[in-house]
């Protein structure tokens, strides 16, 4: 209980700091990480996105489930992501076709570890069911997702909740705008508390 209250206080102070601090010209990875103002108590690392993308990846520094939780923040290219300017809701829905192979590989590795508390045939079957549901819904019908919403702060957001066999994947997608710039934020985890950490950081970020 004490630790939970402390984390809430830290996140609250982080939001306040973001509100009163000058906006950082968020272009370089170091500037983006600084703009996120990640509290040390959250034990999160911020690093450059792989593949030469213009953005950063925020992930837990350690832990068995670290590979399953991540927040990405990237600046969009008007040529490659034209829908983000012309039809934000359609752009958010299209993101659900993203490849889930990395998530699937990380989850299966955790389950197949003989020392994992999740090891076992029953758990493996539940994981396969979850991954199958994610794949089918992501490709076909967005049935696990809320309709894209436009918030008062100007962000377009869409939340998706996949669940099967006692496991669940929590996914939040956000589209931010600053003048003619567009920024994409993706939050992904299997843990409600970690999702709240990511949501607080995303809310405090101002490109």
C-alpha atoms as a PDB file:
ATOM      1  CA  UNK A   1       0.000   0.000   0.000  1.00  0.00           C
ATOM      2  CA  UNK A   2       2.831   2.421   0.907  1.00  0.00           C
ATOM      3  CA  UNK A   3       4.673   1.613  -2.323  1.00  0.00           C
ATOM      4  CA  UNK A   4       1.487   2.166  -4.362  1.00  0.00           C
ATOM      5  CA  UNK A   5       0.902   5.565  -2.751  1.00  0.00           C
ATOM      6  CA  UNK A   6       4.509   6.522  -3.373  1.00  0.00           C
ATOM      7  CA  UNK A   7       4.253   5.613  -7.051  1.00  0.00           C
ATOM      8  CA  UNK A   8       1.070   7.654  -7.365  1.00  0.00           C
ATOM      9  CA  UNK A   9       2.829  10.631  -5.778  1.00  0.00           C
ATOM     10  CA  UNK A  10       5.818  10.230  -8.109  1.00  0.00           C
ATOM     11  CA  UNK A  11       3.561  10.056 -11.175  1.00  0.00           C
ATOM     12  CA  UNK A  12       1.623  13.095  -9.975  1.00  0.00           C
ATOM     13  CA  UNK A  13       4.814  15.102  -9.553  1.00  0.00           C
ATOM     14  CA  UNK A  14       5.921  13.970 -13.020  1.00  0.00           C
ATOM     15  CA  UNK A  15       2.691  15.289 -14.544  1.00  0.00           C
ATOM     16  CA  UNK A  16       3.099  18.607 -12.661  1.00  0.00           C
ATOM     17  CA  UNK A  17       6.695  18.949 -13.825  1.00  0.00           C
ATOM     18  CA  UNK A  18       5.633  18.383 -17.433  1.00  0.00           C
ATOM     19  CA  UNK A  19       2.913  21.023 -17.099  1.00  0.00           C
ATOM     20  CA  UNK A  20       5.221  23.775 -15.802  1.00  0.00           C
ATOM     21  CA  UNK A  21       8.383  22.914 -17.748  1.00  0.00           C
ATOM     22  CA  UNK A  22       9.146  24.431 -21.166  1.00  0.00           C
ATOM     23  CA  UNK A  23       8.365  22.200 -24.119  1.00  0.00           C
ATOM     24  CA  UNK A  24      11.444  20.334 -25.321  1.00  0.00           C
ATOM     25  CA  UNK A  25      12.023  20.356 -29.092  1.00  0.00           C
ATOM     26  CA  UNK A  26      11.507  16.589 -29.239  1.00  0.00           C
ATOM     27  CA  UNK A  27      13.511  15.462 -32.252  1.00  0.00           C
ATOM     28  CA  UNK A  28      16.578  13.592 -31.020  1.00  0.00           C
ATOM     29  CA  UNK A  29      16.130  10.450 -28.868  1.00  0.00           C
ATOM     30  CA  UNK A  30      17.898  12.074 -25.899  1.00  0.00           C
ATOM     31  CA  UNK A  31      15.506  15.042 -26.035  1.00  0.00           C
ATOM     32  CA  UNK A  32      12.497  12.738 -26.303  1.00  0.00           C
ATOM     33  CA  UNK A  33      13.588  10.712 -23.287  1.00  0.00           C
ATOM     34  CA  UNK A  34      14.174  13.922 -21.318  1.00  0.00           C
ATOM     35  CA  UNK A  35      10.735  15.228 -22.311  1.00  0.00           C
ATOM     36  CA  UNK A  36       9.107  12.074 -20.942  1.00  0.00           C
ATOM     37  CA  UNK A  37      10.597  12.808 -17.485  1.00  0.00           C
ATOM     38  CA  UNK A  38      10.486   9.154 -16.400  1.00  0.00           C
ATOM     39  CA  UNK A  39      10.572   8.789 -12.571  1.00  0.00           C
ATOM     40  CA  UNK A  40      13.475   6.612 -11.405  1.00  0.00           C
ATOM     41  CA  UNK A  41      11.108   4.585  -9.187  1.00  0.00           C
ATOM     42  CA  UNK A  42       9.369   3.117 -12.242  1.00  0.00           C
ATOM     43  CA  UNK A  43      12.572   1.270 -13.283  1.00  0.00           C
ATOM     44  CA  UNK A  44      12.031   2.031 -16.967  1.00  0.00           C
ATOM     45  CA  UNK A  45      14.702   2.429 -19.637  1.00  0.00           C
ATOM     46  CA  UNK A  46      14.353   4.824 -22.588  1.00  0.00           C
ATOM     47  CA  UNK A  47      16.280   4.120 -25.781  1.00  0.00           C
ATOM     48  CA  UNK A  48      16.290   4.766 -29.518  1.00  0.00           C
ATOM     49  CA  UNK A  49      13.770   2.827 -31.593  1.00  0.00           C
ATOM     50  CA  UNK A  50      15.395   0.121 -33.732  1.00  0.00           C
ATOM     51  CA  UNK A  51      15.395   0.234 -37.510  1.00  0.00           C
ATOM     52  CA  UNK A  52      16.279   3.909 -37.865  1.00  0.00           C
ATOM     53  CA  UNK A  53      12.812   5.089 -36.810  1.00  0.00           C
ATOM     54  CA  UNK A  54      12.479   8.621 -35.482  1.00  0.00           C
ATOM     55  CA  UNK A  55      11.435   7.913 -31.913  1.00  0.00           C
ATOM     56  CA  UNK A  56      12.106   6.084 -28.660  1.00  0.00           C
ATOM     57  CA  UNK A  57      11.211   2.870 -26.880  1.00  0.00           C
ATOM     58  CA  UNK A  58      10.403   2.798 -23.144  1.00  0.00           C
ATOM     59  CA  UNK A  59      10.573  -0.620 -21.456  1.00  0.00           C
ATOM     60  CA  UNK A  60      11.171  -2.176 -18.021  1.00  0.00           C
ATOM     61  CA  UNK A  61      14.878  -2.515 -17.229  1.00  0.00           C
ATOM     62  CA  UNK A  62      14.534  -6.067 -15.933  1.00  0.00           C
ATOM     63  CA  UNK A  63      12.077  -8.790 -14.979  1.00  0.00           C
ATOM     64  CA  UNK A  64      10.628 -11.897 -16.567  1.00  0.00           C
ATOM     65  CA  UNK A  65       7.830  -9.963 -18.246  1.00  0.00           C
ATOM     66  CA  UNK A  66       9.976  -7.016 -19.353  1.00  0.00           C
ATOM     67  CA  UNK A  67       9.894  -8.065 -23.005  1.00  0.00           C
ATOM     68  CA  UNK A  68       6.082  -8.040 -22.969  1.00  0.00           C
ATOM     69  CA  UNK A  69       5.727  -4.414 -21.813  1.00  0.00           C
ATOM     70  CA  UNK A  70       6.712  -1.469 -23.958  1.00  0.00           C
ATOM     71  CA  UNK A  71       5.799   2.079 -24.872  1.00  0.00           C
ATOM     72  CA  UNK A  72       6.889   3.514 -28.201  1.00  0.00           C
ATOM     73  CA  UNK A  73       6.861   7.154 -29.215  1.00  0.00           C
ATOM     74  CA  UNK A  74       7.662   8.118 -32.790  1.00  0.00           C
ATOM     75  CA  UNK A  75       7.298  11.066 -35.118  1.00  0.00           C
ATOM     76  CA  UNK A  76       5.270  10.216 -38.218  1.00  0.00           C
ATOM     77  CA  UNK A  77       6.241  10.778 -41.832  1.00  0.00           C
ATOM     78  CA  UNK A  78       3.530  12.584 -43.862  1.00  0.00           C
ATOM     79  CA  UNK A  79       4.342  10.464 -46.902  1.00  0.00           C
ATOM     80  CA  UNK A  80       4.253   7.082 -45.136  1.00  0.00           C
ATOM     81  CA  UNK A  81       1.397   7.878 -42.725  1.00  0.00           C
ATOM     82  CA  UNK A  82      -0.795  10.272 -44.702  1.00  0.00           C
ATOM     83  CA  UNK A  83      -3.941   8.955 -42.979  1.00  0.00           C
ATOM     84  CA  UNK A  84      -2.710  10.380 -39.672  1.00  0.00           C
ATOM     85  CA  UNK A  85      -3.350  13.818 -41.154  1.00  0.00           C
ATOM     86  CA  UNK A  86      -6.430  13.150 -43.284  1.00  0.00           C
ATOM     87  CA  UNK A  87      -8.310  10.521 -41.230  1.00  0.00           C
ATOM     88  CA  UNK A  88      -6.889   9.954 -37.700  1.00  0.00           C
ATOM     89  CA  UNK A  89      -9.513   7.328 -36.749  1.00  0.00           C
ATOM     90  CA  UNK A  90      -8.762   5.233 -39.828  1.00  0.00           C
ATOM     91  CA  UNK A  91      -5.037   5.538 -39.149  1.00  0.00           C
ATOM     92  CA  UNK A  92      -5.490   4.202 -35.584  1.00  0.00           C
ATOM     93  CA  UNK A  93      -7.523   1.241 -36.802  1.00  0.00           C
ATOM     94  CA  UNK A  94      -4.929   0.409 -39.418  1.00  0.00           C
ATOM     95  CA  UNK A  95      -2.265   0.090 -36.694  1.00  0.00           C
ATOM     96  CA  UNK A  96      -3.997  -3.085 -35.490  1.00  0.00           C
ATOM     97  CA  UNK A  97      -2.551  -4.885 -38.493  1.00  0.00           C
ATOM     98  CA  UNK A  98       0.941  -4.469 -37.033  1.00  0.00           C
ATOM     99  CA  UNK A  99       3.002  -7.624 -36.737  1.00  0.00           C
ATOM    100  CA  UNK A 100       2.649  -9.296 -33.321  1.00  0.00           C
ATOM    101  CA  UNK A 101       5.510 -11.732 -33.894  1.00  0.00           C
ATOM    102  CA  UNK A 102       7.781 -10.002 -31.364  1.00  0.00           C
ATOM    103  CA  UNK A 103       5.154 -10.182 -28.632  1.00  0.00           C
ATOM    104  CA  UNK A 104       4.381 -13.816 -29.480  1.00  0.00           C
ATOM    105  CA  UNK A 105       8.052 -14.823 -29.385  1.00  0.00           C
ATOM    106  CA  UNK A 106       8.633 -13.108 -26.020  1.00  0.00           C
ATOM    107  CA  UNK A 107       5.558 -14.678 -24.436  1.00  0.00           C
ATOM    108  CA  UNK A 108       6.312 -18.181 -25.708  1.00  0.00           C
ATOM    109  CA  UNK A 109       9.915 -17.911 -24.486  1.00  0.00           C
ATOM    110  CA  UNK A 110       8.651 -17.047 -21.013  1.00  0.00           C
ATOM    111  CA  UNK A 111       6.185 -19.927 -20.972  1.00  0.00           C
ATOM    112  CA  UNK A 112       8.717 -22.449 -22.299  1.00  0.00           C
ATOM    113  CA  UNK A 113      11.289 -21.576 -19.609  1.00  0.00           C
ATOM    114  CA  UNK A 114      11.333 -24.630 -17.276  1.00  0.00           C
ATOM    115  CA  UNK A 115      11.900 -22.325 -14.268  1.00  0.00           C
ATOM    116  CA  UNK A 116       8.980 -20.047 -15.119  1.00  0.00           C
ATOM    117  CA  UNK A 117       5.945 -20.179 -12.815  1.00  0.00           C
ATOM    118  CA  UNK A 118       3.889 -20.127 -16.013  1.00  0.00           C
ATOM    119  CA  UNK A 119       5.436 -23.288 -17.446  1.00  0.00           C
ATOM    120  CA  UNK A 120       3.116 -26.211 -18.136  1.00  0.00           C
ATOM    121  CA  UNK A 121       0.893 -27.662 -20.819  1.00  0.00           C
ATOM    122  CA  UNK A 122      -2.218 -25.865 -19.556  1.00  0.00           C
ATOM    123  CA  UNK A 123      -0.521 -22.487 -19.641  1.00  0.00           C
ATOM    124  CA  UNK A 124       0.983 -23.172 -23.074  1.00  0.00           C
ATOM    125  CA  UNK A 125      -2.465 -23.967 -24.444  1.00  0.00           C
ATOM    126  CA  UNK A 126      -3.892 -20.759 -22.920  1.00  0.00           C
ATOM    127  CA  UNK A 127      -1.079 -18.703 -24.445  1.00  0.00           C
ATOM    128  CA  UNK A 128      -1.682 -20.248 -27.868  1.00  0.00           C
ATOM    129  CA  UNK A 129      -5.367 -19.375 -27.534  1.00  0.00           C
ATOM    130  CA  UNK A 130      -4.558 -15.771 -26.644  1.00  0.00           C
ATOM    131  CA  UNK A 131      -2.107 -15.345 -29.511  1.00  0.00           C
ATOM    132  CA  UNK A 132      -4.591 -16.879 -31.917  1.00  0.00           C
ATOM    133  CA  UNK A 133      -7.261 -14.441 -30.749  1.00  0.00           C
ATOM    134  CA  UNK A 134      -4.916 -11.475 -31.164  1.00  0.00           C
ATOM    135  CA  UNK A 135      -3.956 -12.577 -34.655  1.00  0.00           C
ATOM    136  CA  UNK A 136      -7.556 -13.153 -35.803  1.00  0.00           C
ATOM    137  CA  UNK A 137      -9.002  -9.986 -34.304  1.00  0.00           C
ATOM    138  CA  UNK A 138      -6.073  -7.845 -35.399  1.00  0.00           C
ATOM    139  CA  UNK A 139      -6.446  -8.981 -38.995  1.00  0.00           C
ATOM    140  CA  UNK A 140     -10.197  -9.178 -39.271  1.00  0.00           C
ATOM    141  CA  UNK A 141     -12.514  -7.074 -37.210  1.00  0.00           C
ATOM    142  CA  UNK A 142     -11.135  -4.945 -34.346  1.00  0.00           C
ATOM    143  CA  UNK A 143     -13.701  -6.610 -32.106  1.00  0.00           C
ATOM    144  CA  UNK A 144     -11.448  -6.229 -29.078  1.00  0.00           C
ATOM    145  CA  UNK A 145     -11.042  -2.479 -29.568  1.00  0.00           C
ATOM    146  CA  UNK A 146     -13.067   0.565 -28.618  1.00  0.00           C
ATOM    147  CA  UNK A 147     -13.955   3.006 -31.370  1.00  0.00           C
ATOM    148  CA  UNK A 148     -11.315   5.719 -31.823  1.00  0.00           C
ATOM    149  CA  UNK A 149     -12.041   8.750 -29.652  1.00  0.00           C
ATOM    150  CA  UNK A 150     -11.028  12.403 -29.913  1.00  0.00           C
ATOM    151  CA  UNK A 151     -10.179  13.715 -26.443  1.00  0.00           C
ATOM    152  CA  UNK A 152     -10.482  17.280 -25.232  1.00  0.00           C
ATOM    153  CA  UNK A 153      -6.703  17.654 -25.328  1.00  0.00           C
ATOM    154  CA  UNK A 154      -6.747  16.973 -29.080  1.00  0.00           C
ATOM    155  CA  UNK A 155      -5.435  13.405 -28.933  1.00  0.00           C
ATOM    156  CA  UNK A 156      -7.048  10.632 -30.909  1.00  0.00           C
ATOM    157  CA  UNK A 157      -6.972   7.391 -28.876  1.00  0.00           C
ATOM    158  CA  UNK A 158      -8.035   3.771 -29.250  1.00  0.00           C
ATOM    159  CA  UNK A 159      -7.871   1.056 -26.576  1.00  0.00           C
ATOM    160  CA  UNK A 160      -7.877  -2.691 -27.226  1.00  0.00           C
ATOM    161  CA  UNK A 161      -8.208  -5.512 -24.707  1.00  0.00           C
ATOM    162  CA  UNK A 162      -7.468  -9.074 -25.793  1.00  0.00           C
ATOM    163  CA  UNK A 163      -8.198 -11.900 -23.356  1.00  0.00           C
ATOM    164  CA  UNK A 164      -8.189 -15.691 -23.627  1.00  0.00           C
ATOM    165  CA  UNK A 165      -7.399 -18.592 -21.306  1.00  0.00           C
ATOM    166  CA  UNK A 166      -6.841 -16.342 -18.287  1.00  0.00           C
ATOM    167  CA  UNK A 167      -4.288 -14.136 -20.072  1.00  0.00           C
ATOM    168  CA  UNK A 168      -4.753 -10.681 -21.512  1.00  0.00           C
ATOM    169  CA  UNK A 169      -2.963  -8.131 -23.667  1.00  0.00           C
ATOM    170  CA  UNK A 170      -3.643  -4.433 -22.997  1.00  0.00           C
ATOM    171  CA  UNK A 171      -2.985  -2.116 -25.930  1.00  0.00           C
ATOM    172  CA  UNK A 172      -3.472   1.652 -26.154  1.00  0.00           C
ATOM    173  CA  UNK A 173      -2.819   3.636 -29.317  1.00  0.00           C
ATOM    174  CA  UNK A 174      -2.611   7.436 -29.403  1.00  0.00           C
ATOM    175  CA  UNK A 175      -2.147   9.998 -32.151  1.00  0.00           C
ATOM    176  CA  UNK A 176      -0.837  13.418 -31.065  1.00  0.00           C
ATOM    177  CA  UNK A 177      -0.610  16.577 -33.126  1.00  0.00           C
ATOM    178  CA  UNK A 178       1.536  19.674 -32.863  1.00  0.00           C
ATOM    179  CA  UNK A 179       0.933  22.094 -35.697  1.00  0.00           C
ATOM    180  CA  UNK A 180       1.676  20.097 -38.833  1.00  0.00           C
ATOM    181  CA  UNK A 181       3.534  17.358 -36.922  1.00  0.00           C
ATOM    182  CA  UNK A 182       1.966  14.051 -35.915  1.00  0.00           C
ATOM    183  CA  UNK A 183       3.266  11.716 -33.209  1.00  0.00           C
ATOM    184  CA  UNK A 184       2.264   8.116 -32.540  1.00  0.00           C
ATOM    185  CA  UNK A 185       2.264   6.548 -29.073  1.00  0.00           C
ATOM    186  CA  UNK A 186       1.733   2.825 -28.545  1.00  0.00           C
ATOM    187  CA  UNK A 187       1.380   1.267 -25.077  1.00  0.00           C
ATOM    188  CA  UNK A 188       1.492  -2.519 -24.747  1.00  0.00           C
ATOM    189  CA  UNK A 189       1.564  -4.696 -21.649  1.00  0.00           C
ATOM    190  CA  UNK A 190      -0.103  -7.592 -19.832  1.00  0.00           C
ATOM    191  CA  UNK A 191      -0.086  -5.707 -16.517  1.00  0.00           C
ATOM    192  CA  UNK A 192      -2.688  -3.098 -15.477  1.00  0.00           C
ATOM    193  CA  UNK A 193      -0.286  -1.243 -13.177  1.00  0.00           C
ATOM    194  CA  UNK A 194       2.395  -0.963 -15.857  1.00  0.00           C
ATOM    195  CA  UNK A 195      -0.260   0.283 -18.283  1.00  0.00           C
ATOM    196  CA  UNK A 196      -1.110   3.087 -15.845  1.00  0.00           C
ATOM    197  CA  UNK A 197       2.592   4.002 -15.644  1.00  0.00           C
ATOM    198  CA  UNK A 198       2.781   4.231 -19.432  1.00  0.00           C
ATOM    199  CA  UNK A 199      -0.472   6.189 -19.647  1.00  0.00           C
ATOM    200  CA  UNK A 200       0.805   8.778 -17.154  1.00  0.00           C
ATOM    201  CA  UNK A 201       4.014   9.250 -19.152  1.00  0.00           C
ATOM    202  CA  UNK A 202       2.106   9.506 -22.438  1.00  0.00           C
ATOM    203  CA  UNK A 203      -0.314  12.035 -20.936  1.00  0.00           C
ATOM    204  CA  UNK A 204       2.538  14.202 -19.652  1.00  0.00           C
ATOM    205  CA  UNK A 205       4.388  14.206 -22.999  1.00  0.00           C
ATOM    206  CA  UNK A 206       3.965  17.333 -25.117  1.00  0.00           C
ATOM    207  CA  UNK A 207       5.781  17.266 -28.468  1.00  0.00           C
END
